[in-house]
Amino acid sequence: MGAWNDLVAVDVPRRRINPLDEDILVLDRNVFEALKSGKSVGRLFDIHYRDLLSAARPLHRVKAEADISLVQLIPSFIVFQGDRVLSFKRTRKTPEQRLHDTYSIVFGGHLQAEDSPALFADDDAEVERFLFRELHEELAFDPPLRQSSYVGVLHLEGTAFEQQHAGVVFAVDLEPKTDVRSLEPGYQSTLRFVSWDGISESPVMEDRWSAACIAHLLEAE
């Protein structure tokens, strides 16, 4: 991983809109593939998030899901506390049936266009505040998050679903004894830290995004 950066505070009023009624940020596939070209590093791609956001456009989520020529941006967070990493189990309320009862270490969700920091695209603090909103809608931290490191862009192509989604991956470092609480208990259960040393034998390896991120970080050590 790259150098850790201090995090900016994020104030997150709860959303009231149905997720399927949102306008999200997407990229045309040809634009995204051009950004990926020659940028493969380990299991991820070395594309700066500012370049992704400057090339993205808003679209209604239902339309985006139905269009295979688009790639949806998903801020994705791996949460560390010392030599442990936070994991969760998806419940049966998760919209995608294929994900029911599966484990993961990747938190996050779609980028809502209404919050896009287009006017502050050159200000990393503003852009990261925008990206980290997705994490703060899922998890509460006490004390607040300490540091983060941008890891890169995750894009798998094994399935149509994977081809349509790209993870903008950050690693987050917590203070010792930080209390972590799920803000989406209907979708997440069994929130717990697992040993990084034994992560390769963990059930989270059955989740392809988790496995790719883990392999990338292990190779970078």
Protein backbone atom coordinates (compact mmCIF):
# COMPACT_ATOMS: atom_id res chain seq x y z
CA MET A 1 0.00 0.00 0.00
CA GLY A 2 1.05 3.60 -0.48
CA ALA A 3 1.67 6.11 2.26
CA TRP A 4 -1.12 6.63 4.78
CA ASN A 5 -2.89 9.99 4.61
CA ASP A 6 -4.83 11.68 7.40
CA LEU A 7 -8.57 11.55 6.78
CA VAL A 8 -10.90 14.52 6.52
CA ALA A 9 -14.12 14.66 8.54
CA VAL A 10 -17.28 13.53 6.79
CA ASP A 11 -20.73 14.72 7.87
CA VAL A 12 -23.31 12.29 6.51
CA PRO A 13 -27.02 13.07 6.71
CA ARG A 14 -28.99 9.90 6.09
CA ARG A 15 -30.41 9.42 2.61
CA ARG A 16 -34.15 9.20 2.17
CA ILE A 17 -34.21 8.16 -1.47
CA ASN A 18 -34.73 4.57 -2.64
CA PRO A 19 -31.33 3.39 -3.97
CA LEU A 20 -32.90 2.29 -7.25
CA ASP A 21 -34.21 5.84 -7.79
CA GLU A 22 -30.74 7.38 -7.58
CA ASP A 23 -28.65 8.94 -10.30
CA ILE A 24 -25.22 7.33 -10.05
CA LEU A 25 -21.88 8.06 -11.71
CA VAL A 26 -20.90 5.89 -14.67
CA LEU A 27 -18.24 5.80 -17.37
CA ASP A 28 -18.65 4.69 -20.97
CA ARG A 29 -16.82 1.39 -21.30
CA ASN A 30 -14.52 2.60 -24.08
CA VAL A 31 -13.44 5.55 -21.91
CA PHE A 32 -12.86 3.29 -18.92
CA GLU A 33 -10.85 0.79 -20.96
CA ALA A 34 -8.66 3.62 -22.25
CA LEU A 35 -7.97 4.68 -18.66
CA LYS A 36 -7.07 1.09 -17.75
CA SER A 37 -4.68 0.62 -20.67
CA GLY A 38 -1.14 0.05 -19.45
CA LYS A 39 -2.11 0.77 -15.84
CA SER A 40 -2.26 -2.77 -14.46
CA VAL A 41 -0.32 -3.05 -11.18
CA GLY A 42 -0.70 -6.34 -9.33
CA ARG A 43 -4.40 -7.26 -9.27
CA LEU A 44 -5.63 -3.66 -9.59
CA PHE A 45 -5.18 -0.68 -11.91
CA ASP A 46 -3.18 2.44 -11.05
CA ILE A 47 -5.79 5.02 -12.09
CA HIS A 48 -6.23 8.11 -9.95
CA TYR A 49 -9.77 8.62 -8.68
CA ARG A 50 -9.74 12.20 -9.99
CA ASP A 51 -9.34 10.86 -13.53
CA LEU A 52 -12.31 8.55 -13.02
CA LEU A 53 -14.54 11.31 -11.68
CA SER A 54 -13.61 13.77 -14.42
CA ALA A 55 -14.63 11.18 -17.05
CA ALA A 56 -17.83 10.08 -15.29
CA ARG A 57 -21.40 11.21 -15.95
CA PRO A 58 -24.68 10.80 -14.06
CA LEU A 59 -27.32 8.26 -15.05
CA HIS A 60 -30.37 6.75 -13.39
CA ARG A 61 -29.29 3.56 -11.66
CA VAL A 62 -31.92 1.33 -13.28
CA LYS A 63 -30.77 2.46 -16.73
CA ALA A 64 -27.13 1.95 -15.79
CA GLU A 65 -27.77 -1.60 -14.58
CA ALA A 66 -29.43 -2.45 -17.90
CA ASP A 67 -26.64 -1.06 -20.11
CA ILE A 68 -23.59 -3.33 -20.49
CA SER A 69 -21.70 -0.56 -22.30
CA LEU A 70 -21.34 1.35 -19.01
CA VAL A 71 -19.13 0.89 -15.96
CA GLN A 72 -20.48 1.96 -12.55
CA LEU A 73 -18.08 3.40 -9.97
CA ILE A 74 -18.14 1.78 -6.52
CA PRO A 75 -16.09 3.38 -3.69
CA SER A 76 -14.70 0.33 -1.87
CA PHE A 77 -13.11 0.27 1.58
CA ILE A 78 -10.98 -2.28 3.43
CA VAL A 79 -10.87 -1.48 7.14
CA PHE A 80 -7.77 -2.40 9.15
CA GLN A 81 -7.09 -2.26 12.87
CA GLY A 82 -3.50 -3.22 13.43
CA ASP A 83 -3.00 -6.74 12.06
CA ARG A 84 -6.73 -7.41 11.72
CA VAL A 85 -9.23 -6.60 8.98
CA LEU A 86 -12.98 -5.99 9.36
CA SER A 87 -15.32 -8.51 7.74
CA PHE A 88 -19.08 -8.95 7.51
CA LYS A 89 -21.69 -11.43 6.34
CA ARG A 90 -24.33 -10.32 3.84
CA THR A 91 -27.92 -11.03 4.88
CA ARG A 92 -30.74 -12.35 2.71
CA LYS A 93 -32.06 -8.79 2.38
CA THR A 94 -29.15 -7.98 0.07
CA PRO A 95 -30.69 -7.17 -3.35
CA GLU A 96 -28.41 -9.56 -5.29
CA GLN A 97 -29.53 -13.09 -4.44
CA ARG A 98 -26.16 -14.53 -5.46
CA LEU A 99 -24.58 -12.65 -2.53
CA HIS A 100 -26.89 -13.98 0.19
CA ASP A 101 -25.03 -15.37 3.23
CA THR A 102 -21.60 -14.62 1.72
CA TYR A 103 -18.68 -12.97 3.54
CA SER A 104 -16.67 -9.94 2.46
CA ILE A 105 -14.11 -7.38 3.61
CA VAL A 106 -15.14 -4.79 1.00
CA PHE A 107 -17.49 -2.06 2.25
CA GLY A 108 -19.01 0.67 0.09
CA GLY A 109 -21.62 1.42 -2.56
CA HIS A 110 -22.54 3.39 -5.67
CA LEU A 111 -21.53 7.01 -6.16
CA GLN A 112 -24.60 9.24 -6.08
CA ALA A 113 -24.38 12.02 -8.66
CA GLU A 114 -26.11 14.54 -6.37
CA ASP A 115 -22.99 14.72 -4.20
CA SER A 116 -20.42 14.94 -6.99
CA PRO A 117 -17.66 17.45 -6.11
CA ALA A 118 -17.16 18.58 -9.72
CA LEU A 119 -16.35 22.13 -8.65
CA PHE A 120 -13.62 20.82 -6.34
CA ALA A 121 -12.15 18.13 -8.62
CA ASP A 122 -8.60 19.37 -7.97
CA ASP A 123 -9.06 19.33 -4.19
CA ASP A 124 -8.21 15.84 -2.91
CA ALA A 125 -9.80 16.54 0.49
CA GLU A 126 -13.16 17.44 -1.08
CA VAL A 127 -13.05 14.50 -3.48
CA GLU A 128 -12.20 12.03 -0.73
CA ARG A 129 -14.99 13.45 1.45
CA PHE A 130 -17.33 12.64 -1.45
CA LEU A 131 -15.95 9.12 -1.91
CA PHE A 132 -15.91 8.30 1.81
CA ARG A 133 -19.56 9.21 2.23
CA GLU A 134 -20.40 5.70 1.06
CA LEU A 135 -18.39 4.16 3.89
CA HIS A 136 -19.94 6.45 6.50
CA GLU A 137 -23.41 5.42 5.36
CA GLU A 138 -22.55 1.80 6.21
CA LEU A 139 -20.38 2.06 9.32
CA ALA A 140 -20.00 4.33 12.35
CA PHE A 141 -16.61 4.69 14.07
CA ASP A 142 -15.74 5.85 17.58
CA PRO A 143 -13.19 7.41 17.60
CA PRO A 144 -13.42 8.64 13.98
CA LEU A 145 -11.34 7.16 11.19
CA ARG A 146 -7.65 7.97 11.43
CA GLN A 147 -5.86 7.37 8.13
CA SER A 148 -6.44 6.04 4.65
CA SER A 149 -4.38 4.92 1.69
CA TYR A 150 -5.61 4.84 -1.89
CA VAL A 151 -4.98 1.38 -3.34
CA GLY A 152 -6.24 1.57 -6.94
CA VAL A 153 -9.10 0.48 -9.18
CA LEU A 154 -10.52 -3.02 -9.06
CA HIS A 155 -12.14 -4.33 -12.25
CA LEU A 156 -12.84 -8.02 -12.79
CA GLU A 157 -14.29 -9.41 -16.00
CA GLY A 158 -15.40 -12.93 -15.12
CA THR A 159 -19.11 -12.11 -15.17
CA ALA A 160 -21.37 -9.47 -16.72
CA PHE A 161 -21.93 -8.01 -13.25
CA GLU A 162 -18.18 -7.65 -12.68
CA GLN A 163 -17.69 -6.03 -16.07
CA GLN A 164 -20.26 -3.37 -15.17
CA HIS A 165 -18.73 -2.37 -11.81
CA ALA A 166 -15.34 -0.94 -10.87
CA GLY A 167 -14.14 -0.56 -7.30
CA VAL A 168 -12.30 2.60 -6.25
CA VAL A 169 -10.35 0.93 -3.45
CA PHE A 170 -9.08 2.53 -0.24
CA ALA A 171 -7.48 0.90 2.80
CA VAL A 172 -8.49 2.52 6.11
CA ASP A 173 -6.54 2.36 9.37
CA LEU A 174 -8.38 2.55 12.71
CA GLU A 175 -7.14 3.58 16.13
CA PRO A 176 -6.71 0.68 18.59
CA LYS A 177 -9.96 -0.30 20.34
CA THR A 178 -12.12 1.68 17.90
CA ASP A 179 -15.78 0.79 18.26
CA VAL A 180 -17.33 -0.06 14.87
CA ARG A 181 -21.09 -0.23 14.40
CA SER A 182 -23.08 -1.21 11.32
CA LEU A 183 -25.56 1.40 10.11
CA GLU A 184 -27.12 -1.16 7.78
CA PRO A 185 -27.82 -4.14 10.08
CA GLY A 186 -30.53 -5.30 7.70
CA TYR A 187 -27.88 -5.99 5.08
CA GLN A 188 -24.85 -6.80 7.25
CA SER A 189 -24.45 -9.33 10.03
CA THR A 190 -21.52 -10.91 11.88
CA LEU A 191 -19.42 -7.74 11.81
CA ARG A 192 -16.02 -8.80 13.16
CA PHE A 193 -12.28 -8.42 12.77
CA VAL A 194 -10.27 -11.34 11.40
CA SER A 195 -6.52 -11.89 11.48
CA TRP A 196 -4.73 -10.62 8.38
CA ASP A 197 -2.16 -13.42 8.75
CA GLY A 198 -4.90 -16.02 8.35
CA ILE A 199 -7.03 -14.15 5.82
CA SER A 200 -6.22 -16.56 2.98
CA GLU A 201 -8.07 -19.34 4.87
CA SER A 202 -11.05 -17.13 5.69
CA PRO A 203 -14.53 -17.51 4.09
CA VAL A 204 -14.11 -13.99 2.66
CA MET A 205 -11.86 -15.53 -0.02
CA GLU A 206 -15.01 -16.89 -1.67
CA ASP A 207 -15.97 -13.29 -2.49
CA ARG A 208 -14.12 -12.43 -5.72
CA TRP A 209 -13.70 -8.71 -4.97
CA SER A 210 -12.38 -9.49 -1.49
CA ALA A 211 -10.04 -12.16 -2.84
CA ALA A 212 -8.63 -9.85 -5.52
CA CYS A 213 -8.01 -7.04 -3.01
CA ILE A 214 -6.42 -9.44 -0.53
CA ALA A 215 -4.13 -10.92 -3.19
CA HIS A 216 -3.11 -7.44 -4.33
CA LEU A 217 -2.27 -6.27 -0.81
CA LEU A 218 -0.41 -9.47 0.07
CA GLU A 219 1.70 -9.19 -3.08
CA ALA A 220 2.50 -5.57 -2.22
CA GLU A 221 3.81 -6.43 1.27
